[in-house]
Amino acid sequence: PGGSLRLSCTASGIIFSRYTMNWYRQAPGKQRELVATFTTTG
Protein backbone atom coordinates (compact mmCIF):
# COMPACT_ATOMS: atom_id res chain seq x y z
CA PRO A 1 0.00 0.00 0.00
CA GLY A 2 1.23 3.45 -0.96
CA GLY A 3 3.44 2.03 -3.68
CA SER A 4 3.45 2.52 -7.44
CA LEU A 5 3.23 0.42 -10.58
CA ARG A 6 3.18 1.19 -14.27
CA LEU A 7 1.16 -0.94 -16.63
CA SER A 8 1.79 -1.07 -20.36
CA CYS A 9 -0.41 -2.20 -23.23
CA THR A 10 0.97 -2.62 -26.72
CA ALA A 11 -1.45 -2.79 -29.62
CA SER A 12 -1.10 -4.32 -33.06
CA GLY A 13 -3.42 -4.55 -36.02
CA ILE A 14 -4.79 -0.99 -35.77
CA ILE A 15 -3.66 2.53 -36.63
CA PHE A 16 -3.11 3.15 -32.95
CA SER A 17 -3.13 6.95 -32.94
CA ARG A 18 -6.70 7.11 -34.26
CA TYR A 19 -8.36 5.16 -31.48
CA THR A 20 -9.48 5.70 -27.92
CA MET A 21 -7.65 3.42 -25.51
CA ASN A 22 -9.08 2.40 -22.16
CA TRP A 23 -7.98 0.71 -18.98
CA TYR A 24 -10.54 -1.33 -17.08
CA ARG A 25 -10.21 -3.43 -13.96
CA GLN A 26 -12.13 -6.26 -12.37
CA ALA A 27 -11.84 -7.29 -8.76
CA PRO A 28 -13.06 -10.70 -7.52
CA GLY A 29 -16.83 -10.75 -7.23
CA LYS A 30 -17.22 -7.29 -8.77
CA GLN A 31 -18.17 -5.93 -12.16
CA ARG A 32 -15.54 -4.71 -14.55
CA GLU A 33 -15.11 -0.94 -14.14
CA LEU A 34 -13.61 1.74 -16.33
CA VAL A 35 -10.44 3.15 -14.77
CA ALA A 36 -9.09 5.56 -17.37
CA THR A 37 -9.63 6.63 -20.96
CA PHE A 38 -7.36 8.33 -23.46
CA THR A 39 -9.35 9.68 -26.40
CA THR A 40 -8.05 11.59 -29.38
CA THR A 41 -8.78 14.80 -27.47
CA GLY A 42 -8.03 14.08 -23.83
ModelCIF file with pLDDT and N, C-alpha, C, O atoms, coordinates in Angstrom:
data_MODEL
#
_entry.id   MODEL 
#
_entity.id                         1 
_entity.type                       polymer 
_entity.pdbx_number_of_molecules   1 
#
_entity_poly.entity_id                      1 
_entity_poly.type                           'polypeptide(L)' 
_entity_poly.nstd_linkage                   no 
_entity_poly.nstd_monomer                   no 
_entity_poly.pdbx_seq_one_letter_code       PGGSLRLSCTASGIIFSRYTMNWYRQAPGKQRELVATFTTTG 
_entity_poly.pdbx_seq_one_letter_code_can   PGGSLRLSCTASGIIFSRYTMNWYRQAPGKQRELVATFTTTG 
_entity_poly.pdbx_strand_id                 A 
#
loop_
_entity_poly_seq.entity_id 
_entity_poly_seq.num 
_entity_poly_seq.mon_id 
_entity_poly_seq.hetero 
1 1  PRO n 
1 2  GLY n 
1 3  GLY n 
1 4  SER n 
1 5  LEU n 
1 6  ARG n 
1 7  LEU n 
1 8  SER n 
1 9  CYS n 
1 10 THR n 
1 11 ALA n 
1 12 SER n 
1 13 GLY n 
1 14 ILE n 
1 15 ILE n 
1 16 PHE n 
1 17 SER n 
1 18 ARG n 
1 19 TYR n 
1 20 THR n 
1 21 MET n 
1 22 ASN n 
1 23 TRP n 
1 24 TYR n 
1 25 ARG n 
1 26 GLN n 
1 27 ALA n 
1 28 PRO n 
1 29 GLY n 
1 30 LYS n 
1 31 GLN n 
1 32 ARG n 
1 33 GLU n 
1 34 LEU n 
1 35 VAL n 
1 36 ALA n 
1 37 THR n 
1 38 PHE n 
1 39 THR n 
1 40 THR n 
1 41 THR n 
1 42 GLY n 
#
_struct_asym.id          A 
_struct_asym.entity_id   1 
#
loop_
_ma_qa_metric.id 
_ma_qa_metric.mode 
_ma_qa_metric.name 
_ma_qa_metric.software_group_id 
_ma_qa_metric.type 
1 global pLDDT . pLDDT 
2 local  pLDDT . pLDDT 
#
_ma_qa_metric_global.metric_id      1 
_ma_qa_metric_global.metric_value   94.19 
_ma_qa_metric_global.model_id       1 
_ma_qa_metric_global.ordinal_id     1 
#
loop_
_ma_qa_metric_local.label_asym_id 
_ma_qa_metric_local.label_comp_id 
_ma_qa_metric_local.label_seq_id 
_ma_qa_metric_local.metric_id 
_ma_qa_metric_local.metric_value 
_ma_qa_metric_local.model_id 
_ma_qa_metric_local.ordinal_id 
A PRO 1  2 98.00 1 1  
A GLY 2  2 98.00 1 2  
A GLY 3  2 98.00 1 3  
A SER 4  2 98.00 1 4  
A LEU 5  2 98.00 1 5  
A ARG 6  2 98.00 1 6  
A LEU 7  2 98.00 1 7  
A SER 8  2 98.00 1 8  
A CYS 9  2 97.00 1 9  
A THR 10 2 96.00 1 10 
A ALA 11 2 95.00 1 11 
A SER 12 2 91.00 1 12 
A GLY 13 2 88.00 1 13 
A ILE 14 2 85.00 1 14 
A ILE 15 2 85.00 1 15 
A PHE 16 2 86.00 1 16 
A SER 17 2 85.00 1 17 
A ARG 18 2 89.00 1 18 
A TYR 19 2 91.00 1 19 
A THR 20 2 95.00 1 20 
A MET 21 2 96.00 1 21 
A ASN 22 2 97.00 1 22 
A TRP 23 2 98.00 1 23 
A TYR 24 2 98.00 1 24 
A ARG 25 2 98.00 1 25 
A GLN 26 2 98.00 1 26 
A ALA 27 2 96.00 1 27 
A PRO 28 2 92.00 1 28 
A GLY 29 2 94.00 1 29 
A LYS 30 2 96.00 1 30 
A GLN 31 2 96.00 1 31 
A ARG 32 2 96.00 1 32 
A GLU 33 2 97.00 1 33 
A LEU 34 2 97.00 1 34 
A VAL 35 2 98.00 1 35 
A ALA 36 2 98.00 1 36 
A THR 37 2 98.00 1 37 
A PHE 38 2 96.00 1 38 
A THR 39 2 92.00 1 39 
A THR 40 2 81.00 1 40 
A THR 41 2 85.00 1 41 
A GLY 42 2 92.00 1 42 
#
loop_
_atom_site.group_PDB 
_atom_site.id 
_atom_site.type_symbol 
_atom_site.label_atom_id 
_atom_site.label_alt_id 
_atom_site.label_comp_id 
_atom_site.label_asym_id 
_atom_site.label_entity_id 
_atom_site.label_seq_id 
_atom_site.pdbx_PDB_ins_code 
_atom_site.Cartn_x 
_atom_site.Cartn_y 
_atom_site.Cartn_z 
_atom_site.occupancy 
_atom_site.B_iso_or_equiv 
_atom_site.pdbx_formal_charge 
_atom_site.auth_seq_id 
_atom_site.auth_comp_id 
_atom_site.auth_asym_id 
_atom_site.auth_atom_id 
_atom_site.pdbx_PDB_model_num 
ATOM 1   N N  . PRO A 1 1  ? 0.832   -1.205  0.000   1.00 98.00 ? 1  PRO A N  1 
ATOM 2   C CA . PRO A 1 1  ? 0.000   0.000   0.000   1.00 98.00 ? 1  PRO A CA 1 
ATOM 3   C C  . PRO A 1 1  ? 0.867   1.255   0.000   1.00 98.00 ? 1  PRO A C  1 
ATOM 4   O O  . PRO A 1 1  ? 1.871   1.341   0.708   1.00 98.00 ? 1  PRO A O  1 
ATOM 5   N N  . GLY A 1 2  ? 0.453   2.223   -0.811  1.00 98.00 ? 2  GLY A N  1 
ATOM 6   C CA . GLY A 1 2  ? 1.225   3.449   -0.964  1.00 98.00 ? 2  GLY A CA 1 
ATOM 7   C C  . GLY A 1 2  ? 2.254   3.388   -2.079  1.00 98.00 ? 2  GLY A C  1 
ATOM 8   O O  . GLY A 1 2  ? 2.856   4.403   -2.429  1.00 98.00 ? 2  GLY A O  1 
ATOM 9   N N  . GLY A 1 3  ? 2.456   2.209   -2.632  1.00 98.00 ? 3  GLY A N  1 
ATOM 10  C CA . GLY A 1 3  ? 3.440   2.034   -3.682  1.00 98.00 ? 3  GLY A CA 1 
ATOM 11  C C  . GLY A 1 3  ? 2.924   2.402   -5.062  1.00 98.00 ? 3  GLY A C  1 
ATOM 12  O O  . GLY A 1 3  ? 1.805   2.890   -5.220  1.00 98.00 ? 3  GLY A O  1 
ATOM 13  N N  . SER A 1 4  ? 3.769   2.153   -6.060  1.00 98.00 ? 4  SER A N  1 
ATOM 14  C CA . SER A 1 4  ? 3.448   2.518   -7.442  1.00 98.00 ? 4  SER A CA 1 
ATOM 15  C C  . SER A 1 4  ? 3.738   1.361   -8.386  1.00 98.00 ? 4  SER A C  1 
ATOM 16  O O  . SER A 1 4  ? 4.602   0.524   -8.129  1.00 98.00 ? 4  SER A O  1 
ATOM 17  N N  . LEU A 1 5  ? 2.998   1.339   -9.476  1.00 98.00 ? 5  LEU A N  1 
ATOM 18  C CA . LEU A 1 5  ? 3.232   0.417   -10.578 1.00 98.00 ? 5  LEU A CA 1 
ATOM 19  C C  . LEU A 1 5  ? 2.906   1.132   -11.874 1.00 98.00 ? 5  LEU A C  1 
ATOM 20  O O  . LEU A 1 5  ? 2.096   2.059   -11.897 1.00 98.00 ? 5  LEU A O  1 
ATOM 21  N N  . ARG A 1 6  ? 3.541   0.695   -12.953 1.00 98.00 ? 6  ARG A N  1 
ATOM 22  C CA . ARG A 1 6  ? 3.179   1.193   -14.269 1.00 98.00 ? 6  ARG A CA 1 
ATOM 23  C C  . ARG A 1 6  ? 2.825   0.014   -15.158 1.00 98.00 ? 6  ARG A C  1 
ATOM 24  O O  . ARG A 1 6  ? 3.618   -0.906  -15.358 1.00 98.00 ? 6  ARG A O  1 
ATOM 25  N N  . LEU A 1 7  ? 1.614   0.071   -15.683 1.00 98.00 ? 7  LEU A N  1 
ATOM 26  C CA . LEU A 1 7  ? 1.156   -0.939  -16.631 1.00 98.00 ? 7  LEU A CA 1 
ATOM 27  C C  . LEU A 1 7  ? 1.376   -0.440  -18.055 1.00 98.00 ? 7  LEU A C  1 
ATOM 28  O O  . LEU A 1 7  ? 1.311   0.758   -18.331 1.00 98.00 ? 7  LEU A O  1 
ATOM 29  N N  . SER A 1 8  ? 1.637   -1.388  -18.946 1.00 98.00 ? 8  SER A N  1 
ATOM 30  C CA . SER A 1 8  ? 1.790   -1.070  -20.363 1.00 98.00 ? 8  SER A CA 1 
ATOM 31  C C  . SER A 1 8  ? 0.863   -1.955  -21.185 1.00 98.00 ? 8  SER A C  1 
ATOM 32  O O  . SER A 1 8  ? 0.573   -3.091  -20.808 1.00 98.00 ? 8  SER A O  1 
ATOM 33  N N  . CYS A 1 9  ? 0.410   -1.431  -22.290 1.00 97.00 ? 9  CYS A N  1 
ATOM 34  C CA . CYS A 1 9  ? -0.410  -2.204  -23.226 1.00 97.00 ? 9  CYS A CA 1 
ATOM 35  C C  . CYS A 1 9  ? 0.030   -1.842  -24.635 1.00 97.00 ? 9  CYS A C  1 
ATOM 36  O O  . CYS A 1 9  ? -0.076  -0.690  -25.056 1.00 97.00 ? 9  CYS A O  1 
ATOM 37  N N  . THR A 1 10 ? 0.522   -2.832  -25.352 1.00 96.00 ? 10 THR A N  1 
ATOM 38  C CA . THR A 1 10 ? 0.966   -2.619  -26.721 1.00 96.00 ? 10 THR A CA 1 
ATOM 39  C C  . THR A 1 10 ? -0.046  -3.206  -27.685 1.00 96.00 ? 10 THR A C  1 
ATOM 40  O O  . THR A 1 10 ? -0.463  -4.357  -27.554 1.00 96.00 ? 10 THR A O  1 
ATOM 41  N N  . ALA A 1 11 ? -0.431  -2.396  -28.654 1.00 95.00 ? 11 ALA A N  1 
ATOM 42  C CA . ALA A 1 11 ? -1.455  -2.789  -29.619 1.00 95.00 ? 11 ALA A CA 1 
ATOM 43  C C  . ALA A 1 11 ? -0.834  -3.109  -30.971 1.00 95.00 ? 11 ALA A C  1 
ATOM 44  O O  . ALA A 1 11 ? 0.190   -2.542  -31.354 1.00 95.00 ? 11 ALA A O  1 
ATOM 45  N N  . SER A 1 12 ? -1.468  -4.021  -31.678 1.00 91.00 ? 12 SER A N  1 
ATOM 46  C CA . SER A 1 12 ? -1.096  -4.318  -33.056 1.00 91.00 ? 12 SER A CA 1 
ATOM 47  C C  . SER A 1 12 ? -2.375  -4.540  -33.850 1.00 91.00 ? 12 SER A C  1 
ATOM 48  O O  . SER A 1 12 ? -3.417  -4.900  -33.302 1.00 91.00 ? 12 SER A O  1 
ATOM 49  N N  . GLY A 1 13 ? -2.268  -4.318  -35.148 1.00 88.00 ? 13 GLY A N  1 
ATOM 50  C CA . GLY A 1 13 ? -3.416  -4.546  -36.022 1.00 88.00 ? 13 GLY A CA 1 
ATOM 51  C C  . GLY A 1 13 ? -4.329  -3.352  -36.216 1.00 88.00 ? 13 GLY A C  1 
ATOM 52  O O  . GLY A 1 13 ? -5.340  -3.454  -36.912 1.00 88.00 ? 13 GLY A O  1 
ATOM 53  N N  . ILE A 1 14 ? -3.987  -2.204  -35.604 1.00 85.00 ? 14 ILE A N  1 
ATOM 54  C CA . ILE A 1 14 ? -4.786  -0.989  -35.775 1.00 85.00 ? 14 ILE A CA 1 
ATOM 55  C C  . ILE A 1 14 ? -3.853  0.194   -35.991 1.00 85.00 ? 14 ILE A C  1 
ATOM 56  O O  . ILE A 1 14 ? -2.670  0.141   -35.653 1.00 85.00 ? 14 ILE A O  1 
ATOM 57  N N  . ILE A 1 15 ? -4.410  1.272   -36.565 1.00 85.00 ? 15 ILE A N  1 
ATOM 58  C CA . ILE A 1 15 ? -3.658  2.528   -36.633 1.00 85.00 ? 15 ILE A CA 1 
ATOM 59  C C  . ILE A 1 15 ? -3.863  3.193   -35.280 1.00 85.00 ? 15 ILE A C  1 
ATOM 60  O O  . ILE A 1 15 ? -4.819  3.938   -35.067 1.00 85.00 ? 15 ILE A O  1 
ATOM 61  N N  . PHE A 1 16 ? -2.949  2.905   -34.384 1.00 86.00 ? 16 PHE A N  1 
ATOM 62  C CA . PHE A 1 16 ? -3.113  3.150   -32.954 1.00 86.00 ? 16 PHE A CA 1 
ATOM 63  C C  . PHE A 1 16 ? -3.528  4.589   -32.636 1.00 86.00 ? 16 PHE A C  1 
ATOM 64  O O  . PHE A 1 16 ? -4.392  4.811   -31.788 1.00 86.00 ? 16 PHE A O  1 
ATOM 65  N N  . SER A 1 17 ? -2.929  5.545   -33.299 1.00 85.00 ? 17 SER A N  1 
ATOM 66  C CA . SER A 1 17 ? -3.132  6.950   -32.940 1.00 85.00 ? 17 SER A CA 1 
ATOM 67  C C  . SER A 1 17 ? -4.576  7.411   -33.156 1.00 85.00 ? 17 SER A C  1 
ATOM 68  O O  . SER A 1 17 ? -4.978  8.438   -32.608 1.00 85.00 ? 17 SER A O  1 
ATOM 69  N N  . ARG A 1 18 ? -5.345  6.684   -33.928 1.00 89.00 ? 18 ARG A N  1 
ATOM 70  C CA . ARG A 1 18 ? -6.701  7.108   -34.264 1.00 89.00 ? 18 ARG A CA 1 
ATOM 71  C C  . ARG A 1 18 ? -7.748  6.665   -33.245 1.00 89.00 ? 18 ARG A C  1 
ATOM 72  O O  . ARG A 1 18 ? -8.901  7.090   -33.317 1.00 89.00 ? 18 ARG A O  1 
ATOM 73  N N  . TYR A 1 19 ? -7.355  5.816   -32.301 1.00 91.00 ? 19 TYR A N  1 
ATOM 74  C CA . TYR A 1 19 ? -8.358  5.160   -31.476 1.00 91.00 ? 19 TYR A CA 1 
ATOM 75  C C  . TYR A 1 19 ? -8.242  5.479   -29.994 1.00 91.00 ? 19 TYR A C  1 
ATOM 76  O O  . TYR A 1 19 ? -7.147  5.616   -29.447 1.00 91.00 ? 19 TYR A O  1 
ATOM 77  N N  . THR A 1 20 ? -9.400  5.592   -29.364 1.00 95.00 ? 20 THR A N  1 
ATOM 78  C CA . THR A 1 20 ? -9.475  5.697   -27.917 1.00 95.00 ? 20 THR A CA 1 
ATOM 79  C C  . THR A 1 20 ? -8.975  4.404   -27.283 1.00 95.00 ? 20 THR A C  1 
ATOM 80  O O  . THR A 1 20 ? -9.319  3.303   -27.713 1.00 95.00 ? 20 THR A O  1 
ATOM 81  N N  . MET A 1 21 ? -8.165  4.568   -26.262 1.00 96.00 ? 21 MET A N  1 
ATOM 82  C CA . MET A 1 21 ? -7.652  3.419   -25.513 1.00 96.00 ? 21 MET A CA 1 
ATOM 83  C C  . MET A 1 21 ? -8.127  3.540   -24.074 1.00 96.00 ? 21 MET A C  1 
ATOM 84  O O  . MET A 1 21 ? -8.133  4.627   -23.497 1.00 96.00 ? 21 MET A O  1 
ATOM 85  N N  . ASN A 1 22 ? -8.518  2.425   -23.509 1.00 97.00 ? 22 ASN A N  1 
ATOM 86  C CA . ASN A 1 22 ? -9.080  2.403   -22.160 1.00 97.00 ? 22 ASN A CA 1 
ATOM 87  C C  . ASN A 1 22 ? -8.358  1.394   -21.280 1.00 97.00 ? 22 ASN A C  1 
ATOM 88  O O  . ASN A 1 22 ? -7.822  0.392   -21.752 1.00 97.00 ? 22 ASN A O  1 
ATOM 89  N N  . TRP A 1 23 ? -8.363  1.692   -19.991 1.00 98.00 ? 23 TRP A N  1 
ATOM 90  C CA . TRP A 1 23 ? -7.978  0.706   -18.982 1.00 98.00 ? 23 TRP A CA 1 
ATOM 91  C C  . TRP A 1 23 ? -9.207  0.416   -18.125 1.00 98.00 ? 23 TRP A C  1 
ATOM 92  O O  . TRP A 1 23 ? -9.871  1.326   -17.628 1.00 98.00 ? 23 TRP A O  1 
ATOM 93  N N  . TYR A 1 24 ? -9.488  -0.861  -17.968 1.00 98.00 ? 24 TYR A N  1 
ATOM 94  C CA . TYR A 1 24 ? -10.538 -1.334  -17.077 1.00 98.00 ? 24 TYR A CA 1 
ATOM 95  C C  . TYR A 1 24 ? -9.890  -2.206  -15.994 1.00 98.00 ? 24 TYR A C  1 
ATOM 96  O O  . TYR A 1 24 ? -8.734  -2.614  -16.107 1.00 98.00 ? 24 TYR A O  1 
ATOM 97  N N  . ARG A 1 25 ? -10.659 -2.472  -14.962 1.00 98.00 ? 25 ARG A N  1 
ATOM 98  C CA . ARG A 1 25 ? -10.208 -3.433  -13.965 1.00 98.00 ? 25 ARG A CA 1 
ATOM 99  C C  . ARG A 1 25 ? -11.404 -4.227  -13.432 1.00 98.00 ? 25 ARG A C  1 
ATOM 100 O O  . ARG A 1 25 ? -12.549 -3.775  -13.464 1.00 98.00 ? 25 ARG A O  1 
ATOM 101 N N  . GLN A 1 26 ? -11.089 -5.422  -12.943 1.00 98.00 ? 26 GLN A N  1 
ATOM 102 C CA . GLN A 1 26 ? -12.130 -6.260  -12.370 1.00 98.00 ? 26 GLN A CA 1 
ATOM 103 C C  . GLN A 1 26 ? -11.583 -6.960  -11.142 1.00 98.00 ? 26 GLN A C  1 
ATOM 104 O O  . GLN A 1 26 ? -10.636 -7.744  -11.212 1.00 98.00 ? 26 GLN A O  1 
ATOM 105 N N  . ALA A 1 27 ? -12.208 -6.655  -10.012 1.00 96.00 ? 27 ALA A N  1 
ATOM 106 C CA . ALA A 1 27 ? -11.842 -7.293  -8.755  1.00 96.00 ? 27 ALA A CA 1 
ATOM 107 C C  . ALA A 1 27 ? -12.719 -8.527  -8.552  1.00 96.00 ? 27 ALA A C  1 
ATOM 108 O O  . ALA A 1 27 ? -13.805 -8.607  -9.126  1.00 96.00 ? 27 ALA A O  1 
ATOM 109 N N  . PRO A 1 28 ? -12.270 -9.486  -7.749  1.00 92.00 ? 28 PRO A N  1 
ATOM 110 C CA . PRO A 1 28 ? -13.057 -10.699 -7.521  1.00 92.00 ? 28 PRO A CA 1 
ATOM 111 C C  . PRO A 1 28 ? -14.456 -10.375 -7.007  1.00 92.00 ? 28 PRO A C  1 
ATOM 112 O O  . PRO A 1 28 ? -14.617 -9.627  -6.043  1.00 92.00 ? 28 PRO A O  1 
ATOM 113 N N  . GLY A 1 29 ? -15.455 -10.942 -7.654  1.00 94.00 ? 29 GLY A N  1 
ATOM 114 C CA . GLY A 1 29 ? -16.833 -10.750 -7.233  1.00 94.00 ? 29 GLY A CA 1 
ATOM 115 C C  . GLY A 1 29 ? -17.442 -9.421  -7.617  1.00 94.00 ? 29 GLY A C  1 
ATOM 116 O O  . GLY A 1 29 ? -18.573 -9.124  -7.231  1.00 94.00 ? 29 GLY A O  1 
ATOM 117 N N  . LYS A 1 30 ? -16.707 -8.609  -8.377  1.00 96.00 ? 30 LYS A N  1 
ATOM 118 C CA . LYS A 1 30 ? -17.216 -7.291  -8.770  1.00 96.00 ? 30 LYS A CA 1 
ATOM 119 C C  . LYS A 1 30 ? -17.286 -7.173  -10.284 1.00 96.00 ? 30 LYS A C  1 
ATOM 120 O O  . LYS A 1 30 ? -16.658 -7.933  -11.021 1.00 96.00 ? 30 LYS A O  1 
ATOM 121 N N  . GLN A 1 31 ? -18.073 -6.191  -10.724 1.00 96.00 ? 31 GLN A N  1 
ATOM 122 C CA . GLN A 1 31 ? -18.175 -5.935  -12.158 1.00 96.00 ? 31 GLN A CA 1 
ATOM 123 C C  . GLN A 1 31 ? -16.923 -5.221  -12.663 1.00 96.00 ? 31 GLN A C  1 
ATOM 124 O O  . GLN A 1 31 ? -16.232 -4.527  -11.917 1.00 96.00 ? 31 GLN A O  1 
ATOM 125 N N  . ARG A 1 32 ? -16.660 -5.412  -13.932 1.00 96.00 ? 32 ARG A N  1 
ATOM 126 C CA . ARG A 1 32 ? -15.542 -4.707  -14.545 1.00 96.00 ? 32 ARG A CA 1 
ATOM 127 C C  . ARG A 1 32 ? -15.857 -3.215  -14.569 1.00 96.00 ? 32 ARG A C  1 
ATOM 128 O O  . ARG A 1 32 ? -16.966 -2.819  -14.930 1.00 96.00 ? 32 ARG A O  1 
ATOM 129 N N  . GLU A 1 33 ? -14.887 -2.388  -14.187 1.00 97.00 ? 33 GLU A N  1 
ATOM 130 C CA . GLU A 1 33 ? -15.108 -0.942  -14.144 1.00 97.00 ? 33 GLU A CA 1 
ATOM 131 C C  . GLU A 1 33 ? -14.059 -0.215  -14.973 1.00 97.00 ? 33 GLU A C  1 
ATOM 132 O O  . GLU A 1 33 ? -12.912 -0.644  -15.094 1.00 97.00 ? 33 GLU A O  1 
ATOM 133 N N  . LEU A 1 34 ? -14.503 0.907   -15.539 1.00 97.00 ? 34 LEU A N  1 
ATOM 134 C CA . LEU A 1 34 ? -13.607 1.742   -16.326 1.00 97.00 ? 34 LEU A CA 1 
ATOM 135 C C  . LEU A 1 34 ? -12.711 2.547   -15.388 1.00 97.00 ? 34 LEU A C  1 
ATOM 136 O O  . LEU A 1 34 ? -13.193 3.233   -14.486 1.00 97.00 ? 34 LEU A O  1 
ATOM 137 N N  . VAL A 1 35 ? -11.410 2.454   -15.612 1.00 98.00 ? 35 VAL A N  1 
ATOM 138 C CA . VAL A 1 35 ? -10.439 3.149   -14.770 1.00 98.00 ? 35 VAL A CA 1 
ATOM 139 C C  . VAL A 1 35 ? -9.989  4.450   -15.413 1.00 98.00 ? 35 VAL A C  1 
ATOM 140 O O  . VAL A 1 35 ? -9.974  5.496   -14.765 1.00 98.00 ? 35 VAL A O  1 
ATOM 141 N N  . ALA A 1 36 ? -9.621  4.383   -16.691 1.00 98.00 ? 36 ALA A N  1 
ATOM 142 C CA . ALA A 1 36 ? -9.089  5.561   -17.367 1.00 98.00 ? 36 ALA A CA 1 
ATOM 143 C C  . ALA A 1 36 ? -9.266  5.421   -18.866 1.00 98.00 ? 36 ALA A C  1 
ATOM 144 O O  . ALA A 1 36 ? -9.272  4.319   -19.417 1.00 98.00 ? 36 ALA A O  1 
ATOM 145 N N  . THR A 1 37 ? -9.412  6.575   -19.512 1.00 98.00 ? 37 THR A N  1 
ATOM 146 C CA . THR A 1 37 ? -9.629  6.633   -20.960 1.00 98.00 ? 37 THR A CA 1 
ATOM 147 C C  . THR A 1 37 ? -8.730  7.682   -21.562 1.00 98.00 ? 37 THR A C  1 
ATOM 148 O O  . THR A 1 37 ? -8.566  8.769   -21.009 1.00 98.00 ? 37 THR A O  1 
ATOM 149 N N  . PHE A 1 38 ? -8.141  7.348   -22.711 1.00 96.00 ? 38 PHE A N  1 
ATOM 150 C CA . PHE A 1 38 ? -7.360  8.331   -23.463 1.00 96.00 ? 38 PHE A CA 1 
ATOM 151 C C  . PHE A 1 38 ? -7.981  8.413   -24.849 1.00 96.00 ? 38 PHE A C  1 
ATOM 152 O O  . PHE A 1 38 ? -7.791  7.523   -25.678 1.00 96.00 ? 38 PHE A O  1 
ATOM 153 N N  . THR A 1 39 ? -8.719  9.479   -25.093 1.00 92.00 ? 39 THR A N  1 
ATOM 154 C CA . THR A 1 39 ? -9.347  9.678   -26.396 1.00 92.00 ? 39 THR A CA 1 
ATOM 155 C C  . THR A 1 39 ? -8.393  10.429  -27.312 1.00 92.00 ? 39 THR A C  1 
ATOM 156 O O  . THR A 1 39 ? -7.235  10.661  -26.965 1.00 92.00 ? 39 THR A O  1 
ATOM 157 N N  . THR A 1 40 ? -8.883  10.801  -28.465 1.00 81.00 ? 40 THR A N  1 
ATOM 158 C CA . THR A 1 40 ? -8.052  11.590  -29.378 1.00 81.00 ? 40 THR A CA 1 
ATOM 159 C C  . THR A 1 40 ? -7.944  13.042  -28.912 1.00 81.00 ? 40 THR A C  1 
ATOM 160 O O  . THR A 1 40 ? -7.135  13.811  -29.431 1.00 81.00 ? 40 THR A O  1 
ATOM 161 N N  . THR A 1 41 ? -8.774  13.410  -27.924 1.00 85.00 ? 41 THR A N  1 
ATOM 162 C CA . THR A 1 41 ? -8.781  14.803  -27.470 1.00 85.00 ? 41 THR A CA 1 
ATOM 163 C C  . THR A 1 41 ? -8.398  14.984  -26.003 1.00 85.00 ? 41 THR A C  1 
ATOM 164 O O  . THR A 1 41 ? -8.137  16.105  -25.569 1.00 85.00 ? 41 THR A O  1 
ATOM 165 N N  . GLY A 1 42 ? -8.363  13.897  -25.237 1.00 92.00 ? 42 GLY A N  1 
ATOM 166 C CA . GLY A 1 42 ? -8.026  14.079  -23.833 1.00 92.00 ? 42 GLY A CA 1 
ATOM 167 C C  . GLY A 1 42 ? -8.198  12.823  -23.019 1.00 92.00 ? 42 GLY A C  1 
ATOM 168 O O  . GLY A 1 42 ? -7.950  12.829  -21.814 1.00 92.00 ? 42 GLY A O  1 
#
